[in-house]
Amino acid sequence: FLESSSVEYEPDITISGQFGSREVPIDFKVIGRLSKPTLVKTLSAGNSATAHSQMLEVTSCWMDLQHVSEQNQFVTLIDDRSGAYRDPDIERLKSLAPILGFPSQVDQIRHVLAA
């Protein structure tokens, strides 16, 4: 998807977290044309238990990276075909980073990442 979007990106990076010595894994760092870089976490789950666990992990990642939030924007992309994600998990994560569904919001994703 990113290759076809004509955006510059780095896959599989890590950033030092603000709590302890944890290295926070980021799926993609996207360099937009106008705004600050976007750090992207992606989620895909086939059942609600896995989706819940993944959402908690991404919430933890974004919390650990608050110290770099002024230099970067955060975006979480979820595979929205399964319907496995729980509303409370989505709302919790939304308080830290926008959540965009793939493939239903592909145009909005392109817009956010290219900015």
Protein backbone atom coordinates (compact mmCIF):
# COMPACT_ATOMS: atom_id res chain seq x y z
CA PHE A 1 0.00 0.00 0.00
CA LEU A 2 2.69 2.53 0.93
CA GLU A 3 4.72 1.81 -2.20
CA SER A 4 1.73 2.60 -4.39
CA SER A 5 1.04 5.81 -2.43
CA SER A 6 4.30 7.48 -3.53
CA VAL A 7 5.33 8.48 -0.02
CA GLU A 8 8.78 8.22 1.49
CA TYR A 9 8.87 5.78 4.41
CA GLU A 10 11.13 3.69 6.61
CA PRO A 11 9.83 0.28 7.73
CA ASP A 12 10.48 -1.43 11.07
CA ILE A 13 12.10 1.28 13.15
CA THR A 14 12.51 1.51 16.92
CA ILE A 15 12.45 4.58 19.14
CA SER A 16 13.58 4.74 22.75
CA GLY A 17 10.58 4.96 25.04
CA GLN A 18 10.30 7.49 27.82
CA PHE A 19 9.74 4.85 30.53
CA GLY A 20 12.83 2.81 31.27
CA SER A 21 14.99 1.32 28.58
CA ARG A 22 12.24 -0.02 26.31
CA GLU A 23 12.76 0.24 22.57
CA VAL A 24 9.34 0.88 21.02
CA PRO A 25 8.78 -0.85 17.67
CA ILE A 26 7.13 1.21 14.93
CA ASP A 27 5.88 -0.41 11.74
CA PHE A 28 6.52 2.61 9.52
CA LYS A 29 7.85 6.14 9.72
CA VAL A 30 6.32 8.11 6.87
CA ILE A 31 7.85 11.38 5.72
CA GLY A 32 5.06 13.66 4.50
CA ARG A 33 5.51 16.57 2.14
CA LEU A 34 4.28 19.37 4.40
CA SER A 35 3.89 18.20 7.98
CA LYS A 36 5.98 16.39 10.55
CA PRO A 37 6.76 12.66 10.12
CA THR A 38 4.02 10.15 10.85
CA LEU A 39 4.73 7.10 13.01
CA VAL A 40 2.43 4.26 11.99
CA LYS A 41 1.37 1.15 13.89
CA THR A 42 -0.66 -1.46 12.00
CA LEU A 43 -3.06 -4.01 13.46
CA SER A 44 -4.77 -7.04 11.99
CA ALA A 45 -6.63 -9.54 14.14
CA GLY A 46 -8.92 -12.44 13.37
CA ASN A 47 -10.65 -12.58 16.75
CA SER A 48 -11.55 -10.24 19.59
CA ALA A 49 -9.04 -11.67 22.10
CA THR A 50 -6.12 -11.04 19.74
CA ALA A 51 -7.51 -7.63 18.78
CA HIS A 52 -7.79 -6.65 22.45
CA SER A 53 -4.20 -7.69 23.15
CA GLN A 54 -2.91 -5.81 20.09
CA MET A 55 -4.84 -2.67 21.01
CA LEU A 56 -3.41 -2.68 24.53
CA GLU A 57 0.12 -3.07 23.15
CA VAL A 58 -0.29 -0.19 20.70
CA THR A 59 -1.80 1.99 23.45
CA SER A 60 1.30 1.24 25.53
CA CYS A 61 3.57 2.09 22.59
CA TRP A 62 1.94 5.49 21.98
CA MET A 63 2.07 6.27 25.71
CA ASP A 64 5.78 5.42 25.78
CA LEU A 65 6.38 7.78 22.84
CA GLN A 66 4.64 10.87 24.18
CA HIS A 67 8.03 12.52 24.57
CA VAL A 68 8.40 12.60 20.75
CA SER A 69 4.80 13.58 19.98
CA GLU A 70 5.65 17.21 19.22
CA GLN A 71 8.09 16.14 16.47
CA ASN A 72 5.88 13.35 15.06
CA GLN A 73 2.26 12.54 14.51
CA PHE A 74 0.94 9.11 15.47
CA VAL A 75 -1.51 7.05 13.39
CA THR A 76 -2.87 3.57 13.97
CA LEU A 77 -4.11 1.60 10.97
CA ILE A 78 -6.44 -1.32 11.64
CA ASP A 79 -7.68 -4.01 9.30
CA ASP A 80 -11.36 -3.20 9.52
CA ARG A 81 -12.60 -6.26 7.63
CA SER A 82 -12.79 -8.55 10.68
CA GLY A 83 -14.91 -6.50 13.09
CA ALA A 84 -12.84 -7.96 15.94
CA TYR A 85 -12.03 -4.67 17.67
CA ARG A 86 -13.94 -3.69 20.83
CA ASP A 87 -15.37 -0.18 21.16
CA PRO A 88 -13.70 0.52 24.56
CA ASP A 89 -10.29 -0.43 23.10
CA ILE A 90 -10.87 1.81 20.09
CA GLU A 91 -11.91 4.75 22.26
CA ARG A 92 -8.90 4.29 24.59
CA LEU A 93 -6.47 4.21 21.67
CA LYS A 94 -8.16 7.15 19.91
CA SER A 95 -7.28 9.33 22.89
CA LEU A 96 -3.60 8.92 21.92
CA ALA A 97 -3.64 8.58 18.13
CA PRO A 98 -6.13 8.65 15.28
CA ILE A 99 -7.34 5.25 14.12
CA LEU A 100 -7.99 4.68 10.44
CA GLY A 101 -9.53 1.54 8.99
CA PHE A 102 -8.00 -0.28 6.07
CA PRO A 103 -9.32 -0.79 3.43
CA SER A 104 -12.51 1.25 4.11
CA GLN A 105 -10.66 4.54 4.71
CA VAL A 106 -7.91 4.13 2.13
CA ASP A 107 -8.41 7.63 0.66
CA GLN A 108 -8.20 9.26 4.09
CA ILE A 109 -5.09 7.18 4.91
CA ARG A 110 -3.40 8.37 1.73
CA HIS A 111 -4.28 11.97 2.56
CA VAL A 112 -2.96 11.79 6.14
CA LEU A 113 0.28 10.07 5.15
CA ALA A 114 1.01 12.33 2.20
CA ALA A 115 0.48 15.60 4.08
